[in-house]
N, C-alpha and C. Protein backbone atom coordinates (compact mmCIF):
# COMPACT_ATOMS: atom_id res chain seq x y z
N MET A 1 0.80 -1.18 0.00
CA MET A 1 0.00 -0.03 -0.01
C MET A 1 0.90 1.27 0.01
N LEU A 2 0.57 2.16 -0.84
CA LEU A 2 1.33 3.43 -0.96
C LEU A 2 0.92 4.31 0.20
N GLU A 3 1.92 4.93 0.77
CA GLU A 3 1.66 5.86 1.89
C GLU A 3 1.50 7.27 1.38
N THR A 4 0.39 7.96 1.70
CA THR A 4 0.27 9.31 1.38
C THR A 4 1.16 10.29 2.17
N VAL A 5 1.87 11.11 1.45
CA VAL A 5 2.87 11.97 2.13
C VAL A 5 2.25 13.31 2.35
N GLU A 6 2.27 13.78 3.56
CA GLU A 6 1.83 15.15 3.91
C GLU A 6 3.09 16.01 4.00
N THR A 7 3.16 16.98 3.13
CA THR A 7 4.42 17.84 3.16
C THR A 7 4.37 18.74 4.35
N ILE A 8 5.33 18.71 5.22
CA ILE A 8 5.40 19.47 6.41
C ILE A 8 6.29 20.62 6.12
N GLN A 9 5.92 21.86 6.47
CA GLN A 9 6.73 23.00 6.27
C GLN A 9 7.97 23.00 7.21
N PRO A 10 9.16 23.07 6.62
CA PRO A 10 10.37 23.05 7.48
C PRO A 10 10.49 24.31 8.30
N GLN A 11 11.15 24.18 9.43
CA GLN A 11 11.52 25.38 10.22
C GLN A 11 12.54 26.15 9.46
N THR A 12 12.66 27.42 9.82
CA THR A 12 13.52 28.35 9.06
C THR A 12 14.98 27.93 9.14
N THR A 13 15.69 27.94 8.02
CA THR A 13 17.11 27.73 8.00
C THR A 13 17.72 29.04 7.44
N ALA A 14 19.01 29.19 7.64
CA ALA A 14 19.62 30.45 7.26
C ALA A 14 19.89 30.48 5.74
N THR A 15 19.43 31.57 5.08
CA THR A 15 19.74 31.79 3.68
C THR A 15 21.03 32.58 3.60
N LEU A 16 22.01 32.09 2.88
CA LEU A 16 23.36 32.73 2.87
C LEU A 16 23.44 33.85 1.87
N ASN A 17 22.61 33.88 0.79
CA ASN A 17 22.77 34.81 -0.23
C ASN A 17 21.34 35.32 -0.59
N ARG A 18 21.35 36.59 -1.00
CA ARG A 18 20.10 37.19 -1.52
C ARG A 18 20.24 37.26 -3.01
N GLY A 19 19.15 37.08 -3.77
CA GLY A 19 19.25 37.04 -5.17
C GLY A 19 19.60 35.67 -5.69
N TYR A 20 19.50 35.53 -7.05
CA TYR A 20 19.69 34.16 -7.62
C TYR A 20 21.18 33.81 -7.61
N VAL A 21 21.44 32.56 -7.23
CA VAL A 21 22.80 32.04 -7.22
C VAL A 21 22.79 30.79 -8.16
N THR A 22 23.73 30.71 -9.00
CA THR A 22 23.82 29.54 -9.90
C THR A 22 24.34 28.33 -9.09
N PHE A 23 24.17 27.14 -9.68
CA PHE A 23 24.69 25.91 -9.04
C PHE A 23 26.24 26.03 -8.91
N GLU A 24 26.87 26.55 -9.94
CA GLU A 24 28.36 26.66 -9.89
C GLU A 24 28.80 27.63 -8.80
N GLU A 25 28.05 28.73 -8.65
CA GLU A 25 28.39 29.67 -7.53
C GLU A 25 28.14 29.01 -6.18
N TYR A 26 27.14 28.23 -6.09
CA TYR A 26 26.88 27.46 -4.86
C TYR A 26 28.02 26.58 -4.50
N LEU A 27 28.53 25.83 -5.44
CA LEU A 27 29.68 24.96 -5.26
C LEU A 27 30.87 25.73 -4.80
N GLU A 28 31.06 26.88 -5.40
CA GLU A 28 32.27 27.67 -5.01
C GLU A 28 32.18 28.15 -3.53
N GLN A 29 30.97 28.31 -3.08
CA GLN A 29 30.82 28.86 -1.77
C GLN A 29 30.65 27.77 -0.69
N SER A 30 30.46 26.52 -1.08
CA SER A 30 30.31 25.42 -0.16
C SER A 30 31.75 25.02 0.29
N SER A 31 31.76 24.21 1.33
CA SER A 31 33.07 23.83 1.88
C SER A 31 33.03 22.36 2.30
N ASP A 32 34.19 21.84 2.64
CA ASP A 32 34.27 20.42 3.04
C ASP A 32 33.69 20.19 4.51
N THR A 33 33.40 21.27 5.21
CA THR A 33 32.94 21.10 6.56
C THR A 33 31.51 21.64 6.80
N ARG A 34 31.12 22.54 5.93
CA ARG A 34 29.77 23.14 6.13
C ARG A 34 28.77 22.51 5.22
N ILE A 35 27.61 22.16 5.76
CA ILE A 35 26.59 21.51 4.88
C ILE A 35 25.61 22.67 4.51
N CYS A 36 25.44 22.83 3.24
CA CYS A 36 24.41 23.77 2.73
C CYS A 36 23.83 23.17 1.46
N GLU A 37 22.64 23.68 1.09
CA GLU A 37 22.02 23.13 -0.07
C GLU A 37 21.54 24.25 -0.96
N TRP A 38 21.35 23.93 -2.21
CA TRP A 38 20.93 24.93 -3.26
C TRP A 38 19.51 24.61 -3.61
N VAL A 39 18.64 25.60 -3.32
CA VAL A 39 17.17 25.45 -3.61
C VAL A 39 16.65 26.63 -4.33
N ASP A 40 16.22 26.41 -5.60
CA ASP A 40 15.65 27.54 -6.38
C ASP A 40 16.60 28.75 -6.43
N GLY A 41 17.85 28.53 -6.51
CA GLY A 41 18.74 29.68 -6.72
C GLY A 41 19.19 30.28 -5.41
N GLU A 42 18.89 29.67 -4.26
CA GLU A 42 19.33 30.23 -2.96
C GLU A 42 20.15 29.15 -2.31
N ILE A 43 21.18 29.65 -1.50
CA ILE A 43 21.97 28.75 -0.70
C ILE A 43 21.41 28.71 0.70
N ILE A 44 21.05 27.50 1.14
CA ILE A 44 20.43 27.38 2.45
C ILE A 44 21.44 26.65 3.34
N ASN A 45 21.81 27.31 4.48
CA ASN A 45 22.75 26.71 5.41
C ASN A 45 22.01 25.76 6.36
N MET A 46 22.58 24.57 6.56
CA MET A 46 22.00 23.56 7.40
C MET A 46 22.53 23.62 8.85
N PRO A 47 21.72 23.36 9.82
CA PRO A 47 22.24 23.40 11.19
C PRO A 47 23.20 22.19 11.43
N GLY A 48 24.04 22.34 12.46
CA GLY A 48 24.98 21.31 12.80
C GLY A 48 24.24 20.08 13.34
N ALA A 49 24.89 18.94 13.19
CA ALA A 49 24.34 17.64 13.60
C ALA A 49 24.65 17.31 15.06
N SER A 50 23.72 16.55 15.68
CA SER A 50 23.94 16.07 17.08
C SER A 50 24.97 14.92 17.10
N PHE A 51 25.44 14.68 18.29
CA PHE A 51 26.37 13.52 18.45
C PHE A 51 25.69 12.21 18.03
N GLU A 52 24.45 12.05 18.39
CA GLU A 52 23.71 10.81 18.03
C GLU A 52 23.62 10.63 16.48
N HIS A 53 23.36 11.79 15.86
CA HIS A 53 23.28 11.81 14.35
C HIS A 53 24.66 11.35 13.76
N GLN A 54 25.64 11.95 14.31
CA GLN A 54 27.03 11.69 13.77
C GLN A 54 27.42 10.16 14.05
N ASN A 55 27.02 9.71 15.20
CA ASN A 55 27.34 8.36 15.56
C ASN A 55 26.65 7.32 14.65
N ILE A 56 25.40 7.51 14.43
CA ILE A 56 24.63 6.61 13.53
C ILE A 56 25.20 6.74 12.05
N ASN A 57 25.54 8.00 11.69
CA ASN A 57 26.05 8.23 10.35
C ASN A 57 27.41 7.44 10.19
N SER A 58 28.25 7.53 11.16
CA SER A 58 29.55 6.83 11.10
C SER A 58 29.36 5.35 11.03
N PHE A 59 28.39 4.77 11.81
CA PHE A 59 28.14 3.36 11.75
C PHE A 59 27.69 2.92 10.37
N LEU A 60 26.74 3.62 9.81
CA LEU A 60 26.20 3.24 8.54
C LEU A 60 27.28 3.39 7.41
N ILE A 61 28.08 4.44 7.52
CA ILE A 61 29.17 4.63 6.49
C ILE A 61 30.16 3.45 6.54
N THR A 62 30.55 3.12 7.77
CA THR A 62 31.50 1.98 7.90
C THR A 62 30.91 0.67 7.29
N VAL A 63 29.69 0.33 7.68
CA VAL A 63 29.08 -0.94 7.23
C VAL A 63 28.83 -0.93 5.71
N LEU A 64 28.23 0.21 5.22
CA LEU A 64 27.92 0.27 3.81
C LEU A 64 29.11 0.28 2.91
N ARG A 65 30.17 1.07 3.35
CA ARG A 65 31.37 1.12 2.51
C ARG A 65 32.06 -0.19 2.41
N LEU A 66 32.17 -0.83 3.48
CA LEU A 66 32.87 -2.14 3.42
C LEU A 66 32.04 -3.16 2.58
N PHE A 67 30.69 -3.12 2.76
CA PHE A 67 29.87 -4.03 1.96
C PHE A 67 29.99 -3.70 0.46
N VAL A 68 29.79 -2.43 0.13
CA VAL A 68 29.84 -2.04 -1.29
C VAL A 68 31.21 -2.30 -1.92
N ASP A 69 32.27 -2.05 -1.17
CA ASP A 69 33.64 -2.30 -1.72
C ASP A 69 33.86 -3.80 -1.90
N ARG A 70 33.47 -4.59 -0.87
CA ARG A 70 33.61 -6.04 -0.99
C ARG A 70 32.89 -6.66 -2.13
N LYS A 71 31.67 -6.12 -2.41
CA LYS A 71 30.86 -6.69 -3.51
C LYS A 71 31.08 -5.93 -4.84
N ASP A 72 31.92 -4.94 -4.82
CA ASP A 72 32.20 -4.15 -6.09
C ASP A 72 30.95 -3.65 -6.72
N LEU A 73 30.12 -2.95 -5.88
CA LEU A 73 28.81 -2.51 -6.35
C LEU A 73 28.79 -1.09 -6.81
N GLY A 74 29.77 -0.27 -6.38
CA GLY A 74 29.71 1.17 -6.72
C GLY A 74 30.51 1.97 -5.69
N VAL A 75 29.92 3.15 -5.30
CA VAL A 75 30.63 4.06 -4.41
C VAL A 75 29.63 4.55 -3.36
N VAL A 76 30.09 4.66 -2.15
CA VAL A 76 29.33 5.25 -1.03
C VAL A 76 29.88 6.61 -0.81
N VAL A 77 29.08 7.66 -0.83
CA VAL A 77 29.54 9.06 -0.71
C VAL A 77 28.84 9.69 0.51
N VAL A 78 29.66 10.51 1.17
CA VAL A 78 29.22 11.13 2.49
C VAL A 78 29.08 12.62 2.32
N SER A 79 28.11 13.19 3.04
CA SER A 79 27.95 14.60 3.12
C SER A 79 29.11 15.24 3.86
N PRO A 80 29.55 16.49 3.48
CA PRO A 80 28.94 17.36 2.49
C PRO A 80 29.44 17.05 1.11
N PHE A 81 28.49 16.67 0.24
CA PHE A 81 28.72 16.36 -1.16
C PHE A 81 27.43 16.52 -1.89
N ALA A 82 27.34 17.49 -2.84
CA ALA A 82 26.04 17.86 -3.39
C ALA A 82 25.55 16.83 -4.42
N MET A 83 24.25 16.59 -4.49
CA MET A 83 23.63 15.84 -5.53
C MET A 83 22.80 16.86 -6.37
N LYS A 84 23.18 17.04 -7.58
CA LYS A 84 22.46 17.99 -8.48
C LYS A 84 21.26 17.34 -9.06
N LEU A 85 20.06 17.93 -8.84
CA LEU A 85 18.92 17.50 -9.46
C LEU A 85 18.41 18.61 -10.37
N GLU A 86 18.94 18.55 -11.62
CA GLU A 86 18.79 19.70 -12.59
C GLU A 86 17.39 20.13 -12.79
N SER A 87 16.52 19.17 -13.11
CA SER A 87 15.14 19.60 -13.48
C SER A 87 14.36 20.23 -12.35
N GLN A 88 14.82 20.00 -11.10
CA GLN A 88 14.15 20.56 -9.92
C GLN A 88 14.92 21.75 -9.33
N ARG A 89 15.96 22.14 -10.00
CA ARG A 89 16.81 23.23 -9.51
C ARG A 89 17.16 23.04 -8.05
N ARG A 90 17.70 21.88 -7.79
CA ARG A 90 18.12 21.52 -6.38
C ARG A 90 19.52 20.97 -6.37
N GLY A 91 20.22 21.36 -5.38
CA GLY A 91 21.49 20.76 -4.96
C GLY A 91 21.38 20.30 -3.56
N ARG A 92 21.01 19.02 -3.37
CA ARG A 92 20.78 18.44 -2.05
C ARG A 92 22.05 17.77 -1.50
N GLU A 93 22.20 17.67 -0.23
CA GLU A 93 23.29 16.97 0.39
C GLU A 93 22.83 15.97 1.37
N PRO A 94 22.34 14.83 0.94
CA PRO A 94 21.92 13.74 1.83
C PRO A 94 23.09 13.32 2.74
N ASP A 95 22.76 12.82 3.88
CA ASP A 95 23.83 12.31 4.77
C ASP A 95 24.73 11.31 4.15
N ILE A 96 24.06 10.36 3.40
CA ILE A 96 24.85 9.30 2.76
C ILE A 96 24.18 9.04 1.38
N LEU A 97 25.03 8.82 0.40
CA LEU A 97 24.56 8.46 -0.94
C LEU A 97 25.27 7.16 -1.35
N PHE A 98 24.49 6.32 -2.07
CA PHE A 98 25.14 5.22 -2.83
C PHE A 98 24.92 5.42 -4.30
N VAL A 99 26.03 5.31 -4.99
CA VAL A 99 26.01 5.40 -6.47
C VAL A 99 26.46 4.12 -7.07
N GLY A 100 25.58 3.41 -7.77
CA GLY A 100 25.92 2.17 -8.39
C GLY A 100 26.93 2.32 -9.51
N LYS A 101 27.58 1.20 -9.95
CA LYS A 101 28.63 1.21 -10.92
C LYS A 101 28.16 1.87 -12.22
N GLU A 102 26.91 1.66 -12.58
CA GLU A 102 26.38 2.16 -13.87
C GLU A 102 26.37 3.71 -13.83
N LYS A 103 26.39 4.31 -12.64
CA LYS A 103 26.30 5.78 -12.60
C LYS A 103 27.49 6.48 -12.04
N THR A 104 28.55 5.73 -11.84
CA THR A 104 29.79 6.39 -11.23
C THR A 104 30.34 7.46 -12.13
N HIS A 105 29.99 7.42 -13.44
CA HIS A 105 30.53 8.48 -14.36
C HIS A 105 29.88 9.83 -14.02
N LEU A 106 28.80 9.86 -13.21
CA LEU A 106 28.14 11.08 -12.85
C LEU A 106 28.85 11.77 -11.64
N ILE A 107 29.81 11.09 -11.01
CA ILE A 107 30.49 11.65 -9.87
C ILE A 107 31.62 12.63 -10.41
N LYS A 108 31.41 13.92 -10.07
CA LYS A 108 32.37 14.89 -10.50
C LYS A 108 33.26 15.26 -9.27
N LYS A 109 34.13 16.24 -9.42
CA LYS A 109 35.08 16.56 -8.36
C LYS A 109 34.40 16.89 -7.04
N ASN A 110 33.30 17.63 -7.08
CA ASN A 110 32.68 18.02 -5.87
C ASN A 110 31.15 18.01 -5.83
N TYR A 111 30.59 17.15 -6.78
CA TYR A 111 29.16 16.96 -6.75
C TYR A 111 28.78 15.77 -7.61
N LEU A 112 27.54 15.26 -7.43
CA LEU A 112 27.02 14.15 -8.22
C LEU A 112 26.07 14.80 -9.22
N ASP A 113 26.42 14.61 -10.48
CA ASP A 113 25.68 15.22 -11.57
C ASP A 113 24.39 14.40 -11.96
N GLY A 114 23.48 14.26 -11.03
CA GLY A 114 22.27 13.49 -11.24
C GLY A 114 21.84 12.70 -9.99
N ALA A 115 20.89 11.85 -10.12
CA ALA A 115 20.34 11.15 -8.95
C ALA A 115 21.15 9.94 -8.61
N ALA A 116 21.28 9.75 -7.26
CA ALA A 116 21.99 8.59 -6.74
C ALA A 116 20.97 7.41 -6.78
N ASP A 117 21.45 6.26 -6.47
CA ASP A 117 20.59 5.07 -6.37
C ASP A 117 19.96 4.92 -5.00
N LEU A 118 20.68 5.47 -3.96
CA LEU A 118 20.14 5.36 -2.62
C LEU A 118 20.56 6.67 -1.93
N ALA A 119 19.54 7.24 -1.19
CA ALA A 119 19.83 8.40 -0.37
C ALA A 119 19.35 8.08 1.02
N ILE A 120 20.20 8.50 2.04
CA ILE A 120 19.94 8.26 3.43
C ILE A 120 19.92 9.58 4.15
N GLU A 121 18.83 9.86 4.95
CA GLU A 121 18.75 11.08 5.71
C GLU A 121 18.53 10.70 7.17
N ILE A 122 19.31 11.19 8.04
CA ILE A 122 19.13 11.05 9.49
C ILE A 122 18.45 12.30 10.01
N ILE A 123 17.19 12.16 10.50
CA ILE A 123 16.31 13.26 10.67
C ILE A 123 16.36 13.81 12.08
N SER A 124 16.35 15.15 12.14
CA SER A 124 16.29 15.87 13.45
C SER A 124 14.92 16.58 13.46
N PRO A 125 14.51 17.04 14.60
CA PRO A 125 13.24 17.75 14.72
C PRO A 125 13.16 18.90 13.69
N GLU A 126 14.33 19.57 13.49
CA GLU A 126 14.39 20.74 12.58
C GLU A 126 14.22 20.34 11.12
N SER A 127 14.69 19.11 10.77
CA SER A 127 14.74 18.70 9.34
C SER A 127 13.62 17.85 8.92
N VAL A 128 12.64 17.53 9.82
CA VAL A 128 11.66 16.52 9.42
C VAL A 128 10.81 17.01 8.27
N GLY A 129 10.38 18.22 8.22
CA GLY A 129 9.58 18.71 7.13
C GLY A 129 10.37 18.67 5.81
N ARG A 130 11.60 19.02 5.88
CA ARG A 130 12.46 19.07 4.65
C ARG A 130 12.67 17.67 4.17
N ASP A 131 13.13 16.74 5.08
CA ASP A 131 13.50 15.40 4.66
C ASP A 131 12.28 14.55 4.32
N ARG A 132 11.26 14.64 5.13
CA ARG A 132 10.03 13.81 5.03
C ARG A 132 9.03 14.37 3.99
N GLY A 133 9.16 15.68 3.75
CA GLY A 133 8.27 16.37 2.80
C GLY A 133 8.96 16.74 1.46
N GLU A 134 9.71 17.79 1.54
CA GLU A 134 10.23 18.27 0.28
C GLU A 134 11.15 17.29 -0.44
N LYS A 135 12.11 16.71 0.32
CA LYS A 135 13.06 15.80 -0.31
C LYS A 135 12.40 14.54 -0.73
N PHE A 136 11.42 14.09 0.01
CA PHE A 136 10.68 12.88 -0.32
C PHE A 136 10.11 13.03 -1.74
N VAL A 137 9.48 14.14 -2.01
CA VAL A 137 8.85 14.39 -3.27
C VAL A 137 9.94 14.55 -4.36
N GLU A 138 11.00 15.27 -4.05
CA GLU A 138 12.08 15.47 -5.00
C GLU A 138 12.76 14.20 -5.37
N TYR A 139 13.12 13.40 -4.36
CA TYR A 139 13.79 12.15 -4.59
C TYR A 139 13.02 11.13 -5.39
N GLU A 140 11.70 11.10 -5.09
CA GLU A 140 10.79 10.22 -5.80
C GLU A 140 10.77 10.67 -7.29
N ALA A 141 10.64 11.97 -7.54
CA ALA A 141 10.56 12.49 -8.97
C ALA A 141 11.88 12.24 -9.67
N ALA A 142 12.97 12.23 -8.93
CA ALA A 142 14.28 12.00 -9.54
C ALA A 142 14.61 10.55 -9.72
N LYS A 143 13.69 9.69 -9.27
CA LYS A 143 13.83 8.22 -9.42
C LYS A 143 15.01 7.59 -8.64
N ILE A 144 15.22 8.16 -7.46
CA ILE A 144 16.23 7.55 -6.55
C ILE A 144 15.52 6.27 -6.04
N LYS A 145 16.23 5.20 -6.25
CA LYS A 145 15.52 3.82 -6.09
C LYS A 145 15.16 3.54 -4.64
N GLU A 146 16.03 3.91 -3.70
CA GLU A 146 15.70 3.70 -2.28
C GLU A 146 15.99 4.96 -1.52
N TYR A 147 15.09 5.24 -0.53
CA TYR A 147 15.25 6.39 0.38
C TYR A 147 15.08 5.89 1.76
N TRP A 148 16.06 6.00 2.59
CA TRP A 148 16.00 5.60 4.00
C TRP A 148 15.89 6.81 4.89
N LEU A 149 14.93 6.85 5.75
CA LEU A 149 14.70 7.96 6.66
C LEU A 149 14.91 7.41 8.15
N ILE A 150 15.83 7.96 8.86
CA ILE A 150 16.16 7.48 10.19
C ILE A 150 15.81 8.60 11.22
N TYR A 151 14.95 8.25 12.16
CA TYR A 151 14.53 9.18 13.16
C TYR A 151 15.09 8.76 14.56
N PRO A 152 16.30 9.23 14.91
CA PRO A 152 16.90 8.79 16.18
C PRO A 152 16.00 9.10 17.42
N GLU A 153 15.37 10.23 17.44
CA GLU A 153 14.54 10.62 18.62
C GLU A 153 13.35 9.70 18.86
N ARG A 154 12.81 9.21 17.72
CA ARG A 154 11.66 8.27 17.73
C ARG A 154 12.03 6.83 17.77
N ARG A 155 13.31 6.58 17.55
CA ARG A 155 13.74 5.19 17.36
C ARG A 155 12.96 4.43 16.31
N GLN A 156 12.95 5.12 15.17
CA GLN A 156 12.10 4.69 14.06
C GLN A 156 12.91 4.88 12.74
N VAL A 157 12.68 3.89 11.77
CA VAL A 157 13.25 4.02 10.48
C VAL A 157 12.21 3.68 9.45
N GLU A 158 12.19 4.41 8.36
CA GLU A 158 11.32 4.13 7.24
C GLU A 158 12.21 3.90 5.98
N PHE A 159 11.96 2.79 5.33
CA PHE A 159 12.70 2.45 4.09
C PHE A 159 11.70 2.50 2.99
N TYR A 160 11.99 3.29 1.95
CA TYR A 160 11.15 3.47 0.82
C TYR A 160 11.82 2.93 -0.43
N ARG A 161 11.03 2.27 -1.29
CA ARG A 161 11.55 1.80 -2.64
C ARG A 161 10.58 2.31 -3.69
N LEU A 162 11.17 2.67 -4.86
CA LEU A 162 10.30 2.99 -6.00
C LEU A 162 9.62 1.79 -6.49
N ASN A 163 8.28 1.88 -6.67
CA ASN A 163 7.54 0.76 -7.20
C ASN A 163 7.48 0.83 -8.76
N SER A 164 6.87 -0.10 -9.36
CA SER A 164 6.77 -0.11 -10.81
C SER A 164 6.13 1.08 -11.42
N ASP A 165 5.35 1.82 -10.64
CA ASP A 165 4.68 3.05 -11.11
C ASP A 165 5.47 4.28 -10.84
N GLY A 166 6.69 4.09 -10.27
CA GLY A 166 7.58 5.26 -10.03
C GLY A 166 7.26 6.05 -8.75
N PHE A 167 6.52 5.38 -7.85
CA PHE A 167 6.23 6.05 -6.53
C PHE A 167 6.86 5.30 -5.45
N TYR A 168 7.21 6.01 -4.38
CA TYR A 168 7.79 5.40 -3.24
C TYR A 168 6.79 4.57 -2.43
N GLN A 169 7.19 3.37 -2.09
CA GLN A 169 6.34 2.49 -1.31
C GLN A 169 7.20 2.05 -0.08
N LEU A 170 6.47 2.08 1.06
CA LEU A 170 7.16 1.67 2.32
C LEU A 170 7.51 0.19 2.22
N ALA A 171 8.79 -0.09 2.48
CA ALA A 171 9.25 -1.49 2.40
C ALA A 171 9.03 -2.20 3.75
N PRO A 172 8.75 -3.48 3.67
CA PRO A 172 8.53 -4.19 4.94
C PRO A 172 9.86 -4.48 5.66
N THR A 173 9.74 -4.61 6.97
CA THR A 173 10.89 -4.92 7.83
C THR A 173 10.48 -6.07 8.73
N PRO A 174 10.30 -7.30 8.19
CA PRO A 174 9.91 -8.45 9.03
C PRO A 174 10.93 -8.69 10.14
N GLU A 175 10.44 -8.81 11.34
CA GLU A 175 11.27 -9.03 12.58
C GLU A 175 12.30 -7.97 12.67
N GLY A 176 12.03 -6.78 12.17
CA GLY A 176 12.88 -5.66 12.36
C GLY A 176 14.13 -5.68 11.53
N VAL A 177 14.03 -6.40 10.33
CA VAL A 177 15.17 -6.50 9.41
C VAL A 177 14.79 -5.99 8.05
N PHE A 178 15.59 -5.06 7.50
CA PHE A 178 15.32 -4.54 6.16
C PHE A 178 16.28 -5.19 5.20
N GLN A 179 15.72 -5.73 4.06
CA GLN A 179 16.54 -6.27 2.98
C GLN A 179 16.58 -5.25 1.86
N SER A 180 17.74 -4.76 1.50
CA SER A 180 17.87 -3.80 0.41
C SER A 180 17.71 -4.58 -0.91
N GLU A 181 17.15 -3.89 -1.91
CA GLU A 181 17.10 -4.46 -3.26
C GLU A 181 18.22 -3.94 -4.15
N ILE A 182 18.62 -2.70 -3.92
CA ILE A 182 19.70 -2.17 -4.72
C ILE A 182 21.08 -2.64 -4.27
N LEU A 183 21.15 -3.10 -3.03
CA LEU A 183 22.39 -3.71 -2.46
C LEU A 183 22.08 -5.16 -2.21
N PRO A 184 22.17 -6.00 -3.19
CA PRO A 184 21.80 -7.41 -3.07
C PRO A 184 22.59 -8.08 -1.86
N GLU A 185 21.86 -8.81 -1.06
CA GLU A 185 22.36 -9.50 0.08
C GLU A 185 22.66 -8.61 1.29
N PHE A 186 22.45 -7.36 1.11
CA PHE A 186 22.69 -6.41 2.28
C PHE A 186 21.39 -6.43 3.13
N PHE A 187 21.56 -6.47 4.43
CA PHE A 187 20.39 -6.27 5.33
C PHE A 187 20.82 -5.43 6.48
N LEU A 188 19.83 -4.78 7.10
CA LEU A 188 20.08 -3.91 8.22
C LEU A 188 19.09 -4.23 9.33
N ARG A 189 19.64 -4.61 10.46
CA ARG A 189 18.75 -4.82 11.68
C ARG A 189 18.50 -3.43 12.29
N VAL A 190 17.30 -2.98 12.32
CA VAL A 190 16.94 -1.66 12.82
C VAL A 190 17.49 -1.52 14.25
N ALA A 191 17.44 -2.59 15.04
CA ALA A 191 17.87 -2.51 16.43
C ALA A 191 19.35 -2.11 16.55
N TRP A 192 20.12 -2.40 15.48
CA TRP A 192 21.55 -2.01 15.59
C TRP A 192 21.71 -0.52 15.82
N LEU A 193 20.79 0.26 15.25
CA LEU A 193 20.94 1.74 15.23
C LEU A 193 20.76 2.30 16.64
N TRP A 194 20.10 1.59 17.51
CA TRP A 194 19.75 2.17 18.85
C TRP A 194 20.64 1.59 20.00
N GLN A 195 21.56 0.73 19.57
CA GLN A 195 22.39 0.09 20.65
C GLN A 195 23.49 1.09 21.08
N GLU A 196 23.85 0.94 22.31
CA GLU A 196 25.01 1.75 22.85
C GLU A 196 26.00 0.78 23.51
N PRO A 197 27.22 0.86 23.05
CA PRO A 197 27.69 1.54 21.80
C PRO A 197 27.15 0.80 20.59
N LEU A 198 27.27 1.51 19.42
CA LEU A 198 26.76 0.89 18.21
C LEU A 198 27.64 -0.36 17.86
N PRO A 199 26.96 -1.43 17.45
CA PRO A 199 27.62 -2.72 17.22
C PRO A 199 28.33 -2.85 15.91
N THR A 200 29.26 -1.99 15.64
CA THR A 200 29.91 -2.07 14.33
C THR A 200 30.54 -3.44 14.02
N ILE A 201 31.32 -3.93 14.91
CA ILE A 201 32.06 -5.25 14.70
C ILE A 201 31.05 -6.38 14.53
N ALA A 202 30.04 -6.39 15.42
CA ALA A 202 29.03 -7.44 15.39
C ALA A 202 28.31 -7.41 14.08
N ALA A 203 27.93 -6.24 13.61
CA ALA A 203 27.17 -6.07 12.37
C ALA A 203 28.02 -6.55 11.17
N LEU A 204 29.33 -6.14 11.14
CA LEU A 204 30.20 -6.64 10.06
C LEU A 204 30.32 -8.10 10.04
N LYS A 205 30.43 -8.73 11.23
CA LYS A 205 30.49 -10.18 11.28
C LYS A 205 29.22 -10.82 10.76
N GLU A 206 28.07 -10.29 11.15
CA GLU A 206 26.81 -10.91 10.69
C GLU A 206 26.64 -10.78 9.22
N LEU A 207 27.18 -9.74 8.64
CA LEU A 207 27.11 -9.49 7.16
C LEU A 207 28.20 -10.20 6.43
N ASN A 208 29.00 -11.00 7.23
CA ASN A 208 30.19 -11.82 6.66
C ASN A 208 31.17 -10.92 5.96
N LEU A 209 31.41 -9.68 6.56
CA LEU A 209 32.42 -8.81 5.99
C LEU A 209 33.70 -8.90 6.73
N ILE A 210 33.75 -9.47 7.87
CA ILE A 210 34.98 -9.70 8.62
C ILE A 210 34.95 -11.11 9.23
């Protein structure tokens, strides 16, 4: 069953420039440490991430990179790194991107020139409207095959896949386990994300990566 998405208006974020800014100008003003996005010709500065956000992000990066490298599936890219969605005039910076081998030619020096195969967003109270509303619609329209939304405060994860009609459909997680389709044989136990400390070694062993 497809889930109806209610677009929530995001809380205010800082606009760094007044007037129209091109994507190239946005890239020139972005940095390796500051996360900002390009939306309809404006540069929007994103708030800093919490420790929990960073911790979960690091866990996923470690597990995904080792899996993708071991299976020779493509490239895992970490924010800050822009994903240019030309038709929507957007330069988004998801927390984590996966780009399959067929699309690695789209990876430029400091941005991805098109849609990734997987986007992951770790959601804060401030970003829920943007990640669950605006980006959901944009990523669906851009045909990003999987979109994972992680809510640390709620201890909740939503995994979406594009269905045959081109719309996101909530993927099942039987017994709390998600099986990715774009990463064959990869699975994620949702409970891993809430453990303290995060079980990086145990997860890698269960995935037969070490």
